């Protein structure tokens, strides 16, 4: 499991370095996750210690919602001022994500059916 934790930390560090070097507005851990995704796609799978490290983190994922909830509680005045902008952006963002996901699933299903026909 130590090898998996080190792998996760290396990709988070690489993402942070890329964000600092190119002065991106995307968080470093997000870039690190994209790098990890490409690594796993090239490797065509994961390994046991990385799976264990990921499951360990997923077990405690609900604890990460506590700081977000506290942020909402402390920013009630800001949220109330920008309420309609938040509601509209959430609504349209959800519609766009839903349409994109539906189209992606449609494309992947057609691709799989064509592959099975060959």
PDB file of N, CA and C in Angstrom:
ATOM      1  N   UNK A   1       0.819  -1.193   0.000  1.00  0.00           N
ATOM      2  CA  UNK A   1       0.000   0.000   0.000  1.00  0.00           C
ATOM      3  C   UNK A   1       0.864   1.258   0.000  1.00  0.00           C
ATOM      4  N   UNK A   2       2.054   1.167   0.541  1.00  0.00           N
ATOM      5  CA  UNK A   2       2.952   2.316   0.566  1.00  0.00           C
ATOM      6  C   UNK A   2       3.315   2.749  -0.858  1.00  0.00           C
ATOM      7  N   UNK A   3       3.510   1.767  -1.730  1.00  0.00           N
ATOM      8  CA  UNK A   3       3.814   2.085  -3.134  1.00  0.00           C
ATOM      9  C   UNK A   3       2.654   2.851  -3.775  1.00  0.00           C
ATOM     10  N   UNK A   4       1.426   2.491  -3.434  1.00  0.00           N
ATOM     11  CA  UNK A   4       0.258   3.189  -3.966  1.00  0.00           C
ATOM     12  C   UNK A   4       0.156   4.615  -3.449  1.00  0.00           C
ATOM     13  N   UNK A   5       0.399   4.809  -2.157  1.00  0.00           N
ATOM     14  CA  UNK A   5       0.369   6.161  -1.597  1.00  0.00           C
ATOM     15  C   UNK A   5       1.451   7.041  -2.205  1.00  0.00           C
ATOM     16  N   UNK A   6       2.626   6.464  -2.386  1.00  0.00           N
ATOM     17  CA  UNK A   6       3.720   7.228  -3.009  1.00  0.00           C
ATOM     18  C   UNK A   6       3.369   7.586  -4.441  1.00  0.00           C
ATOM     19  N   UNK A   7       2.736   6.665  -5.160  1.00  0.00           N
ATOM     20  CA  UNK A   7       2.314   6.946  -6.536  1.00  0.00           C
ATOM     21  C   UNK A   7       1.322   8.105  -6.567  1.00  0.00           C
ATOM     22  N   UNK A   8       0.345   8.081  -5.671  1.00  0.00           N
ATOM     23  CA  UNK A   8      -0.630   9.180  -5.620  1.00  0.00           C
ATOM     24  C   UNK A   8       0.039  10.513  -5.298  1.00  0.00           C
ATOM     25  N   UNK A   9       0.964  10.490  -4.348  1.00  0.00           N
ATOM     26  CA  UNK A   9       1.661  11.723  -3.976  1.00  0.00           C
ATOM     27  C   UNK A   9       2.555  12.236  -5.103  1.00  0.00           C
ATOM     28  N   UNK A  10       3.185  11.338  -5.844  1.00  0.00           N
ATOM     29  CA  UNK A  10       4.031  11.752  -6.966  1.00  0.00           C
ATOM     30  C   UNK A  10       3.188  12.455  -8.029  1.00  0.00           C
ATOM     31  N   UNK A  11       2.026  11.881  -8.353  1.00  0.00           N
ATOM     32  CA  UNK A  11       1.193  12.513  -9.379  1.00  0.00           C
ATOM     33  C   UNK A  11       0.600  13.833  -8.878  1.00  0.00           C
ATOM     34  N   UNK A  12       0.288  13.918  -7.597  1.00  0.00           N
ATOM     35  CA  UNK A  12      -0.174  15.197  -7.055  1.00  0.00           C
ATOM     36  C   UNK A  12       0.946  16.232  -7.113  1.00  0.00           C
ATOM     37  N   UNK A  13       2.161  15.823  -6.792  1.00  0.00           N
ATOM     38  CA  UNK A  13       3.303  16.729  -6.860  1.00  0.00           C
ATOM     39  C   UNK A  13       3.559  17.190  -8.296  1.00  0.00           C
ATOM     40  N   UNK A  14       3.507  16.256  -9.256  1.00  0.00           N
ATOM     41  CA  UNK A  14       3.706  16.623 -10.658  1.00  0.00           C
ATOM     42  C   UNK A  14       2.644  17.611 -11.131  1.00  0.00           C
ATOM     43  N   UNK A  15       1.399  17.368 -10.723  1.00  0.00           N
ATOM     44  CA  UNK A  15       0.328  18.297 -11.081  1.00  0.00           C
ATOM     45  C   UNK A  15       0.561  19.675 -10.492  1.00  0.00           C
ATOM     46  N   UNK A  16       0.993  19.720  -9.235  1.00  0.00           N
ATOM     47  CA  UNK A  16       1.295  21.006  -8.607  1.00  0.00           C
ATOM     48  C   UNK A  16       2.435  21.728  -9.296  1.00  0.00           C
ATOM     49  N   UNK A  17       3.461  20.983  -9.704  1.00  0.00           N
ATOM     50  CA  UNK A  17       4.594  21.596 -10.410  1.00  0.00           C
ATOM     51  C   UNK A  17       4.170  22.164 -11.757  1.00  0.00           C
ATOM     52  N   UNK A  18       3.345  21.417 -12.491  1.00  0.00           N
ATOM     53  CA  UNK A  18       2.886  21.898 -13.806  1.00  0.00           C
ATOM     54  C   UNK A  18       2.043  23.153 -13.640  1.00  0.00           C
ATOM     55  N   UNK A  19       1.175  23.182 -12.625  1.00  0.00           N
ATOM     56  CA  UNK A  19       0.339  24.356 -12.395  1.00  0.00           C
ATOM     57  C   UNK A  19       1.195  25.569 -12.042  1.00  0.00           C
ATOM     58  N   UNK A  20       2.193  25.380 -11.191  1.00  0.00           N
ATOM     59  CA  UNK A  20       3.074  26.496 -10.826  1.00  0.00           C
ATOM     60  C   UNK A  20       3.911  26.958 -12.009  1.00  0.00           C
ATOM     61  N   UNK A  21       4.428  26.000 -12.791  1.00  0.00           N
ATOM     62  CA  UNK A  21       5.307  26.349 -13.904  1.00  0.00           C
ATOM     63  C   UNK A  21       4.563  27.094 -15.005  1.00  0.00           C
ATOM     64  N   UNK A  22       3.357  26.632 -15.344  1.00  0.00           N
ATOM     65  CA  UNK A  22       2.597  27.252 -16.422  1.00  0.00           C
ATOM     66  C   UNK A  22       1.588  28.281 -15.920  1.00  0.00           C
ATOM     67  N   UNK A  23       1.543  28.523 -14.607  1.00  0.00           N
ATOM     68  CA  UNK A  23       0.655  29.510 -13.993  1.00  0.00           C
ATOM     69  C   UNK A  23      -0.802  29.272 -14.409  1.00  0.00           C
ATOM     70  N   UNK A  24      -1.259  28.025 -14.226  1.00  0.00           N
ATOM     71  CA  UNK A  24      -2.622  27.647 -14.591  1.00  0.00           C
ATOM     72  C   UNK A  24      -3.583  27.985 -13.456  1.00  0.00           C
ATOM     73  N   UNK A  25      -4.864  28.093 -13.791  1.00  0.00           N
ATOM     74  CA  UNK A  25      -5.871  28.366 -12.771  1.00  0.00           C
ATOM     75  C   UNK A  25      -6.517  27.080 -12.259  1.00  0.00           C
ATOM     76  N   UNK A  26      -6.143  25.953 -12.832  1.00  0.00           N
ATOM     77  CA  UNK A  26      -6.661  24.650 -12.409  1.00  0.00           C
ATOM     78  C   UNK A  26      -5.860  24.192 -11.195  1.00  0.00           C
ATOM     79  N   UNK A  27      -6.501  23.599 -10.191  1.00  0.00           N
ATOM     80  CA  UNK A  27      -5.750  23.113  -9.025  1.00  0.00           C
ATOM     81  C   UNK A  27      -4.762  22.009  -9.404  1.00  0.00           C
ATOM     82  N   UNK A  28      -3.635  21.990  -8.722  1.00  0.00           N
ATOM     83  CA  UNK A  28      -2.597  21.011  -8.990  1.00  0.00           C
ATOM     84  C   UNK A  28      -3.044  19.565  -8.843  1.00  0.00           C
ATOM     85  N   UNK A  29      -3.807  19.217  -7.795  1.00  0.00           N
ATOM     86  CA  UNK A  29      -4.261  17.834  -7.685  1.00  0.00           C
ATOM     87  C   UNK A  29      -5.151  17.380  -8.841  1.00  0.00           C
ATOM     88  N   UNK A  30      -5.895  18.303  -9.442  1.00  0.00           N
ATOM     89  CA  UNK A  30      -6.728  17.938 -10.590  1.00  0.00           C
ATOM     90  C   UNK A  30      -5.841  17.585 -11.783  1.00  0.00           C
ATOM     91  N   UNK A  31      -4.814  18.383 -12.018  1.00  0.00           N
ATOM     92  CA  UNK A  31      -3.869  18.079 -13.100  1.00  0.00           C
ATOM     93  C   UNK A  31      -3.155  16.760 -12.800  1.00  0.00           C
ATOM     94  N   UNK A  32      -2.820  16.533 -11.536  1.00  0.00           N
ATOM     95  CA  UNK A  32      -2.192  15.275 -11.147  1.00  0.00           C
ATOM     96  C   UNK A  32      -3.099  14.085 -11.404  1.00  0.00           C
ATOM     97  N   UNK A  33      -4.411  14.243 -11.163  1.00  0.00           N
ATOM     98  CA  UNK A  33      -5.341  13.154 -11.451  1.00  0.00           C
ATOM     99  C   UNK A  33      -5.423  12.871 -12.943  1.00  0.00           C
ATOM    100  N   UNK A  34      -5.340  13.913 -13.766  1.00  0.00           N
ATOM    101  CA  UNK A  34      -5.344  13.705 -15.211  1.00  0.00           C
ATOM    102  C   UNK A  34      -4.076  12.948 -15.623  1.00  0.00           C
ATOM    103  N   UNK A  35      -2.942  13.327 -15.045  1.00  0.00           N
ATOM    104  CA  UNK A  35      -1.699  12.590 -15.318  1.00  0.00           C
ATOM    105  C   UNK A  35      -1.820  11.134 -14.878  1.00  0.00           C
ATOM    106  N   UNK A  36      -2.426  10.901 -13.713  1.00  0.00           N
ATOM    107  CA  UNK A  36      -2.620   9.535 -13.234  1.00  0.00           C
ATOM    108  C   UNK A  36      -3.540   8.768 -14.168  1.00  0.00           C
ATOM    109  N   UNK A  37      -4.577   9.420 -14.677  1.00  0.00           N
ATOM    110  CA  UNK A  37      -5.473   8.775 -15.637  1.00  0.00           C
ATOM    111  C   UNK A  37      -4.709   8.335 -16.880  1.00  0.00           C
ATOM    112  N   UNK A  38      -3.882   9.239 -17.427  1.00  0.00           N
ATOM    113  CA  UNK A  38      -3.095   8.877 -18.615  1.00  0.00           C
ATOM    114  C   UNK A  38      -2.108   7.757 -18.313  1.00  0.00           C
ATOM    115  N   UNK A  39      -1.502   7.799 -17.132  1.00  0.00           N
ATOM    116  CA  UNK A  39      -0.579   6.741 -16.721  1.00  0.00           C
ATOM    117  C   UNK A  39      -1.283   5.388 -16.670  1.00  0.00           C
ATOM    118  N   UNK A  40      -2.478   5.373 -16.087  1.00  0.00           N
ATOM    119  CA  UNK A  40      -3.222   4.115 -15.985  1.00  0.00           C
ATOM    120  C   UNK A  40      -3.737   3.654 -17.338  1.00  0.00           C
ATOM    121  N   UNK A  41      -4.049   4.595 -18.237  1.00  0.00           N
ATOM    122  CA  UNK A  41      -4.473   4.205 -19.584  1.00  0.00           C
ATOM    123  C   UNK A  41      -3.309   3.607 -20.361  1.00  0.00           C
ATOM    124  N   UNK A  42      -2.133   4.195 -20.242  1.00  0.00           N
ATOM    125  CA  UNK A  42      -0.955   3.660 -20.925  1.00  0.00           C
ATOM    126  C   UNK A  42      -0.574   2.311 -20.342  1.00  0.00           C
ATOM    127  N   UNK A  43      -0.668   2.189 -19.030  1.00  0.00           N
ATOM    128  CA  UNK A  43      -0.313   0.941 -18.337  1.00  0.00           C
ATOM    129  C   UNK A  43      -1.379  -0.128 -18.531  1.00  0.00           C
ATOM    130  N   UNK A  44      -2.585   0.278 -18.962  1.00  0.00           N
ATOM    131  CA  UNK A  44      -3.736  -0.600 -19.169  1.00  0.00           C
ATOM    132  C   UNK A  44      -4.168  -1.294 -17.882  1.00  0.00           C
ATOM    133  N   UNK A  45      -4.217  -0.541 -16.810  1.00  0.00           N
ATOM    134  CA  UNK A  45      -4.703  -1.087 -15.552  1.00  0.00           C
ATOM    135  C   UNK A  45      -3.960  -0.514 -14.373  1.00  0.00           C
ATOM    136  N   UNK A  46      -4.401  -0.944 -13.216  1.00  0.00           N
ATOM    137  CA  UNK A  46      -3.822  -0.468 -11.979  1.00  0.00           C
ATOM    138  C   UNK A  46      -2.969  -1.572 -11.366  1.00  0.00           C
ATOM    139  N   UNK A  47      -2.492  -1.336 -10.165  1.00  0.00           N
ATOM    140  CA  UNK A  47      -1.786  -2.376  -9.428  1.00  0.00           C
ATOM    141  C   UNK A  47      -2.348  -2.424  -8.017  1.00  0.00           C
ATOM    142  N   UNK A  48      -2.096  -3.512  -7.343  1.00  0.00           N
ATOM    143  CA  UNK A  48      -2.764  -3.832  -6.080  1.00  0.00           C
ATOM    144  C   UNK A  48      -2.574  -2.740  -5.021  1.00  0.00           C
ATOM    145  N   UNK A  49      -1.365  -2.253  -4.849  1.00  0.00           N
ATOM    146  CA  UNK A  49      -1.132  -1.268  -3.790  1.00  0.00           C
ATOM    147  C   UNK A  49      -1.809   0.068  -4.099  1.00  0.00           C
ATOM    148  N   UNK A  50      -1.916   0.434  -5.379  1.00  0.00           N
ATOM    149  CA  UNK A  50      -2.636   1.662  -5.743  1.00  0.00           C
ATOM    150  C   UNK A  50      -4.127   1.500  -5.474  1.00  0.00           C
ATOM    151  N   UNK A  51      -4.665   0.330  -5.765  1.00  0.00           N
ATOM    152  CA  UNK A  51      -6.074   0.069  -5.463  1.00  0.00           C
ATOM    153  C   UNK A  51      -6.340   0.177  -3.963  1.00  0.00           C
ATOM    154  N   UNK A  52      -5.454  -0.400  -3.166  1.00  0.00           N
ATOM    155  CA  UNK A  52      -5.625  -0.334  -1.713  1.00  0.00           C
ATOM    156  C   UNK A  52      -5.572   1.108  -1.204  1.00  0.00           C
ATOM    157  N   UNK A  53      -4.635   1.897  -1.727  1.00  0.00           N
ATOM    158  CA  UNK A  53      -4.518   3.296  -1.308  1.00  0.00           C
ATOM    159  C   UNK A  53      -5.760   4.089  -1.714  1.00  0.00           C
ATOM    160  N   UNK A  54      -6.293   3.828  -2.906  1.00  0.00           N
ATOM    161  CA  UNK A  54      -7.487   4.532  -3.360  1.00  0.00           C
ATOM    162  C   UNK A  54      -8.695   4.164  -2.499  1.00  0.00           C
ATOM    163  N   UNK A  55      -8.845   2.882  -2.186  1.00  0.00           N
ATOM    164  CA  UNK A  55      -9.971   2.467  -1.350  1.00  0.00           C
ATOM    165  C   UNK A  55      -9.851   3.015   0.067  1.00  0.00           C
ATOM    166  N   UNK A  56      -8.629   3.138   0.559  1.00  0.00           N
ATOM    167  CA  UNK A  56      -8.430   3.739   1.875  1.00  0.00           C
ATOM    168  C   UNK A  56      -8.911   5.186   1.883  1.00  0.00           C
ATOM    169  N   UNK A  57      -8.590   5.934   0.839  1.00  0.00           N
ATOM    170  CA  UNK A  57      -9.027   7.328   0.754  1.00  0.00           C
ATOM    171  C   UNK A  57     -10.537   7.429   0.544  1.00  0.00           C
ATOM    172  N   UNK A  58     -11.099   6.530  -0.241  1.00  0.00           N
ATOM    173  CA  UNK A  58     -12.536   6.577  -0.498  1.00  0.00           C
ATOM    174  C   UNK A  58     -13.352   6.276   0.759  1.00  0.00           C
ATOM    175  N   UNK A  59     -12.800   5.490   1.650  1.00  0.00           N
ATOM    176  CA  UNK A  59     -13.505   5.156   2.882  1.00  0.00           C
ATOM    177  C   UNK A  59     -13.738   6.408   3.726  1.00  0.00           C
ATOM    178  N   UNK A  60     -12.802   7.348   3.679  1.00  0.00           N
ATOM    179  CA  UNK A  60     -12.903   8.561   4.498  1.00  0.00           C
ATOM    180  C   UNK A  60     -13.321   9.791   3.692  1.00  0.00           C
ATOM    181  N   UNK A  61     -13.815   9.591   2.493  1.00  0.00           N
ATOM    182  CA  UNK A  61     -14.232  10.702   1.633  1.00  0.00           C
ATOM    183  C   UNK A  61     -15.319  11.579   2.258  1.00  0.00           C
ATOM    184  N   UNK A  62     -16.306  11.021   2.965  1.00  0.00           N
ATOM    185  CA  UNK A  62     -17.327  11.911   3.565  1.00  0.00           C
ATOM    186  C   UNK A  62     -16.767  12.943   4.526  1.00  0.00           C
ATOM    187  N   UNK A  63     -15.630  12.693   5.119  1.00  0.00           N
ATOM    188  CA  UNK A  63     -15.037  13.683   6.029  1.00  0.00           C
ATOM    189  C   UNK A  63     -14.641  14.962   5.297  1.00  0.00           C
ATOM    190  N   UNK A  64     -14.420  14.870   3.994  1.00  0.00           N
ATOM    191  CA  UNK A  64     -14.025  16.046   3.221  1.00  0.00           C
ATOM    192  C   UNK A  64     -15.191  17.006   2.989  1.00  0.00           C
ATOM    193  N   UNK A  65     -16.416  16.555   3.234  1.00  0.00           N
ATOM    194  CA  UNK A  65     -17.561  17.435   3.051  1.00  0.00           C
ATOM    195  C   UNK A  65     -17.768  18.364   4.236  1.00  0.00           C
ATOM    196  N   UNK A  66     -17.168  18.072   5.364  1.00  0.00           N
ATOM    197  CA  UNK A  66     -17.332  18.920   6.551  1.00  0.00           C
ATOM    198  C   UNK A  66     -16.767  20.326   6.312  1.00  0.00           C
ATOM    199  N   UNK A  67     -15.539  20.487   5.772  1.00  0.00           N
ATOM    200  CA  UNK A  67     -15.064  21.856   5.514  1.00  0.00           C
ATOM    201  C   UNK A  67     -15.918  22.604   4.487  1.00  0.00           C
ATOM    202  N   UNK A  68     -16.444  21.895   3.497  1.00  0.00           N
ATOM    203  CA  UNK A  68     -17.302  22.553   2.509  1.00  0.00           C
ATOM    204  C   UNK A  68     -18.584  23.050   3.161  1.00  0.00           C
ATOM    205  N   UNK A  69     -19.156  22.253   4.036  1.00  0.00           N
ATOM    206  CA  UNK A  69     -20.377  22.674   4.733  1.00  0.00           C
ATOM    207  C   UNK A  69     -20.099  23.869   5.631  1.00  0.00           C
ATOM    208  N   UNK A  70     -18.961  23.879   6.279  1.00  0.00           N
ATOM    209  CA  UNK A  70     -18.604  25.025   7.126  1.00  0.00           C
ATOM    210  C   UNK A  70     -18.395  26.282   6.273  1.00  0.00           C
ATOM    211  N   UNK A  71     -17.834  26.113   5.097  1.00  0.00           N
ATOM    212  CA  UNK A  71     -17.667  27.261   4.208  1.00  0.00           C
ATOM    213  C   UNK A  71     -19.002  27.851   3.793  1.00  0.00           C
ATOM    214  N   UNK A  72     -19.976  26.985   3.562  1.00  0.00           N
ATOM    215  CA  UNK A  72     -21.318  27.472   3.213  1.00  0.00           C
ATOM    216  C   UNK A  72     -21.931  28.217   4.393  1.00  0.00           C
ATOM    217  N   UNK A  73     -21.757  27.680   5.580  1.00  0.00           N
ATOM    218  CA  UNK A  73     -22.338  28.322   6.770  1.00  0.00           C
ATOM    219  C   UNK A  73     -21.707  29.696   7.004  1.00  0.00           C
ATOM    220  N   UNK A  74     -20.399  29.812   6.802  1.00  0.00           N
ATOM    221  CA  UNK A  74     -19.734  31.088   7.076  1.00  0.00           C
ATOM    222  C   UNK A  74     -19.919  32.114   5.964  1.00  0.00           C
ATOM    223  N   UNK A  75     -20.377  31.682   4.805  1.00  0.00           N
ATOM    224  CA  UNK A  75     -20.532  32.603   3.678  1.00  0.00           C
ATOM    225  C   UNK A  75     -21.995  32.823   3.300  1.00  0.00           C
ATOM    226  N   UNK A  76     -22.890  32.761   4.255  1.00  0.00           N
ATOM    227  CA  UNK A  76     -24.324  32.890   3.979  1.00  0.00           C
ATOM    228  C   UNK A  76     -24.641  34.239   3.346  1.00  0.00           C
ATOM    229  N   UNK A  77     -24.022  35.307   3.799  1.00  0.00           N
ATOM    230  CA  UNK A  77     -24.332  36.629   3.238  1.00  0.00           C
ATOM    231  C   UNK A  77     -23.901  36.723   1.774  1.00  0.00           C
ATOM    232  N   UNK A  78     -22.753  36.178   1.426  1.00  0.00           N
ATOM    233  CA  UNK A  78     -22.302  36.182   0.035  1.00  0.00           C
ATOM    234  C   UNK A  78     -23.199  35.319  -0.833  1.00  0.00           C
ATOM    235  N   UNK A  79     -23.585  34.173  -0.317  1.00  0.00           N
ATOM    236  CA  UNK A  79     -24.459  33.274  -1.073  1.00  0.00           C
ATOM    237  C   UNK A  79     -25.822  33.914  -1.284  1.00  0.00           C
ATOM    238  N   UNK A  80     -26.340  34.598  -0.293  1.00  0.00           N
ATOM    239  CA  UNK A  80     -27.654  35.238  -0.448  1.00  0.00           C
ATOM    240  C   UNK A  80     -27.612  36.368  -1.471  1.00  0.00           C
ATOM    241  N   UNK A  81     -26.490  37.081  -1.548  1.00  0.00           N
ATOM    242  CA  UNK A  81     -26.363  38.156  -2.545  1.00  0.00           C
ATOM    243  C   UNK A  81     -26.287  37.601  -3.958  1.00  0.00           C
ATOM    244  N   UNK A  82     -25.631  36.470  -4.123  1.00  0.00           N
ATOM    245  CA  UNK A  82     -25.425  35.881  -5.451  1.00  0.00           C
ATOM    246  C   UNK A  82     -26.310  34.662  -5.696  1.00  0.00           C
ATOM    247  N   UNK A  83     -27.449  34.585  -5.002  1.00  0.00           N
ATOM    248  CA  UNK A  83     -28.282  33.393  -5.029  1.00  0.00           C
ATOM    249  C   UNK A  83     -28.722  33.029  -6.443  1.00  0.00           C
ATOM    250  N   UNK A  84     -29.267  33.995  -7.181  1.00  0.00           N
ATOM    251  CA  UNK A  84     -29.801  33.675  -8.506  1.00  0.00           C
ATOM    252  C   UNK A  84     -28.702  33.314  -9.498  1.00  0.00           C
ATOM    253  N   UNK A  85     -27.561  33.934  -9.375  1.00  0.00           N
ATOM    254  CA  UNK A  85     -26.447  33.557 -10.256  1.00  0.00           C
ATOM    255  C   UNK A  85     -26.005  32.127  -9.971  1.00  0.00           C
ATOM    256  N   UNK A  86     -25.986  31.752  -8.709  1.00  0.00           N
ATOM    257  CA  UNK A  86     -25.613  30.383  -8.335  1.00  0.00           C
ATOM    258  C   UNK A  86     -26.645  29.390  -8.845  1.00  0.00           C
ATOM    259  N   UNK A  87     -27.923  29.696  -8.668  1.00  0.00           N
ATOM    260  CA  UNK A  87     -28.990  28.786  -9.095  1.00  0.00           C
ATOM    261  C   UNK A  87     -28.974  28.596 -10.608  1.00  0.00           C
ATOM    262  N   UNK A  88     -28.841  29.700 -11.341  1.00  0.00           N
ATOM    263  CA  UNK A  88     -28.842  29.616 -12.805  1.00  0.00           C
ATOM    264  C   UNK A  88     -27.617  28.841 -13.303  1.00  0.00           C
ATOM    265  N   UNK A  89     -26.449  29.118 -12.743  1.00  0.00           N
ATOM    266  CA  UNK A  89     -25.252  28.404 -13.189  1.00  0.00           C
ATOM    267  C   UNK A  89     -25.311  26.928 -12.829  1.00  0.00           C
ATOM    268  N   UNK A  90     -25.866  26.589 -11.669  1.00  0.00           N
ATOM    269  CA  UNK A  90     -26.036  25.179 -11.317  1.00  0.00           C
ATOM    270  C   UNK A  90     -27.006  24.486 -12.258  1.00  0.00           C
ATOM    271  N   UNK A  91     -28.103  25.169 -12.596  1.00  0.00           N
ATOM    272  CA  UNK A  91     -29.099  24.579 -13.485  1.00  0.00           C
ATOM    273  C   UNK A  91     -28.510  24.309 -14.874  1.00  0.00           C
ATOM    274  N   UNK A  92     -27.901  25.340 -15.465  1.00  0.00           N
ATOM    275  CA  UNK A  92     -27.361  25.155 -16.810  1.00  0.00           C
ATOM    276  C   UNK A  92     -26.133  24.246 -16.815  1.00  0.00           C
ATOM    277  N   UNK A  93     -25.328  24.299 -15.778  1.00  0.00           N
ATOM    278  CA  UNK A  93     -24.184  23.386 -15.680  1.00  0.00           C
ATOM    279  C   UNK A  93     -24.627  21.935 -15.600  1.00  0.00           C
ATOM    280  N   UNK A  94     -25.713  21.694 -14.853  1.00  0.00           N
ATOM    281  CA  UNK A  94     -26.250  20.340 -14.758  1.00  0.00           C
ATOM    282  C   UNK A  94     -26.798  19.882 -16.106  1.00  0.00           C
ATOM    283  N   UNK A  95     -27.502  20.757 -16.811  1.00  0.00           N
ATOM    284  CA  UNK A  95     -28.024  20.401 -18.132  1.00  0.00           C
ATOM    285  C   UNK A  95     -26.899  20.085 -19.111  1.00  0.00           C
ATOM    286  N   UNK A  96     -25.857  20.894 -19.105  1.00  0.00           N
ATOM    287  CA  UNK A  96     -24.730  20.663 -20.014  1.00  0.00           C
ATOM    288  C   UNK A  96     -24.031  19.351 -19.672  1.00  0.00           C
ATOM    289  N   UNK A  97     -23.808  19.093 -18.397  1.00  0.00           N
ATOM    290  CA  UNK A  97     -23.152  17.848 -17.993  1.00  0.00           C
ATOM    291  C   UNK A  97     -24.016  16.641 -18.337  1.00  0.00           C
ATOM    292  N   UNK A  98     -25.322  16.748 -18.162  1.00  0.00           N
ATOM    293  CA  UNK A  98     -26.225  15.656 -18.489  1.00  0.00           C
ATOM    294  C   UNK A  98     -26.237  15.382 -19.989  1.00  0.00           C
ATOM    295  N   UNK A  99     -26.300  16.436 -20.789  1.00  0.00           N
ATOM    296  CA  UNK A  99     -26.294  16.259 -22.246  1.00  0.00           C
ATOM    297  C   UNK A  99     -24.964  15.671 -22.722  1.00  0.00           C
ATOM    298  N   UNK A 100     -23.861  16.153 -22.177  1.00  0.00           N
ATOM    299  CA  UNK A 100     -22.555  15.631 -22.552  1.00  0.00           C
ATOM    300  C   UNK A 100     -22.425  14.157 -22.175  1.00  0.00           C
ATOM    301  N   UNK A 101     -22.857  13.804 -20.972  1.00  0.00           N
ATOM    302  CA  UNK A 101     -22.766  12.417 -20.519  1.00  0.00           C
ATOM    303  C   UNK A 101     -23.639  11.504 -21.368  1.00  0.00           C
ATOM    304  N   UNK A 102     -24.836  11.951 -21.697  1.00  0.00           N
ATOM    305  CA  UNK A 102     -25.728  11.140 -22.534  1.00  0.00           C
ATOM    306  C   UNK A 102     -25.129  10.920 -23.918  1.00  0.00           C
ATOM    307  N   UNK A 103     -24.563  11.960 -24.498  1.00  0.00           N
ATOM    308  CA  UNK A 103     -23.949  11.831 -25.826  1.00  0.00           C
ATOM    309  C   UNK A 103     -22.725  10.923 -25.777  1.00  0.00           C
ATOM    310  N   UNK A 104     -21.923  11.041 -24.741  1.00  0.00           N
ATOM    311  CA  UNK A 104     -20.739  10.195 -24.596  1.00  0.00           C
ATOM    312  C   UNK A 104     -21.128   8.732 -24.451  1.00  0.00           C
ATOM    313  N   UNK A 105     -22.141   8.449 -23.638  1.00  0.00           N
ATOM    314  CA  UNK A 105     -22.602   7.072 -23.480  1.00  0.00           C
ATOM    315  C   UNK A 105     -23.147   6.542 -24.799  1.00  0.00           C
ATOM    316  N   UNK A 106     -23.855   7.385 -25.548  1.00  0.00           N
ATOM    317  CA  UNK A 106     -24.374   6.991 -26.852  1.00  0.00           C
ATOM    318  C   UNK A 106     -23.235   6.631 -27.801  1.00  0.00           C
ATOM    319  N   UNK A 107     -22.215   7.460 -27.859  1.00  0.00           N
ATOM    320  CA  UNK A 107     -21.068   7.201 -28.737  1.00  0.00           C
ATOM    321  C   UNK A 107     -20.342   5.926 -28.318  1.00  0.00           C
ATOM    322  N   UNK A 108     -20.120   5.752 -27.016  1.00  0.00           N
ATOM    323  CA  UNK A 108     -19.419   4.558 -26.545  1.00  0.00           C
ATOM    324  C   UNK A 108     -20.231   3.288 -26.778  1.00  0.00           C
ATOM    325  N   UNK A 109     -21.550   3.371 -26.639  1.00  0.00           N
ATOM    326  CA  UNK A 109     -22.400   2.214 -26.901  1.00  0.00           C
ATOM    327  C   UNK A 109     -22.354   1.826 -28.366  1.00  0.00           C
ATOM    328  N   UNK A 110     -22.435   2.806 -29.252  1.00  0.00           N
ATOM    329  CA  UNK A 110     -22.360   2.526 -30.692  1.00  0.00           C
ATOM    330  C   UNK A 110     -21.007   1.932 -31.041  1.00  0.00           C
ATOM    331  N   UNK A 111     -19.947   2.466 -30.466  1.00  0.00           N
ATOM    332  CA  UNK A 111     -18.593   1.954 -30.726  1.00  0.00           C
ATOM    333  C   UNK A 111     -18.465   0.503 -30.246  1.00  0.00           C
ATOM    334  N   UNK A 112     -19.030   0.197 -29.094  1.00  0.00           N
ATOM    335  CA  UNK A 112     -18.969  -1.175 -28.575  1.00  0.00           C
ATOM    336  C   UNK A 112     -19.774  -2.131 -29.436  1.00  0.00           C
ATOM    337  N   UNK A 113     -20.953  -1.700 -29.896  1.00  0.00           N
ATOM    338  CA  UNK A 113     -21.758  -2.546 -30.767  1.00  0.00           C
ATOM    339  C   UNK A 113     -21.060  -2.808 -32.087  1.00  0.00           C
ATOM    340  N   UNK A 114     -20.405  -1.789 -32.644  1.00  0.00           N
ATOM    341  CA  UNK A 114     -19.672  -1.973 -33.890  1.00  0.00           C
ATOM    342  C   UNK A 114     -18.487  -2.913 -33.688  1.00  0.00           C
ATOM    343  N   UNK A 115     -17.837  -2.847 -32.541  1.00  0.00           N
ATOM    344  CA  UNK A 115     -16.707  -3.719 -32.251  1.00  0.00           C
ATOM    345  C   UNK A 115     -17.170  -5.167 -32.106  1.00  0.00           C
ATOM    346  N   UNK A 116     -18.352  -5.370 -31.502  1.00  0.00           N
ATOM    347  CA  UNK A 116     -18.879  -6.726 -31.322  1.00  0.00           C
ATOM    348  C   UNK A 116     -19.341  -7.343 -32.633  1.00  0.00           C
ATOM    349  N   UNK A 117     -19.730  -6.510 -33.603  1.00  0.00           N
ATOM    350  CA  UNK A 117     -20.170  -7.025 -34.892  1.00  0.00           C
ATOM    351  C   UNK A 117     -19.024  -7.569 -35.720  1.00  0.00           C
ATOM    352  N   UNK A 118     -17.818  -7.050 -35.480  1.00  0.00           N
ATOM    353  CA  UNK A 118     -16.663  -7.506 -36.261  1.00  0.00           C
ATOM    354  C   UNK A 118     -16.251  -8.824 -35.776  1.00  0.00           C
TER     355      UNK A 118
END
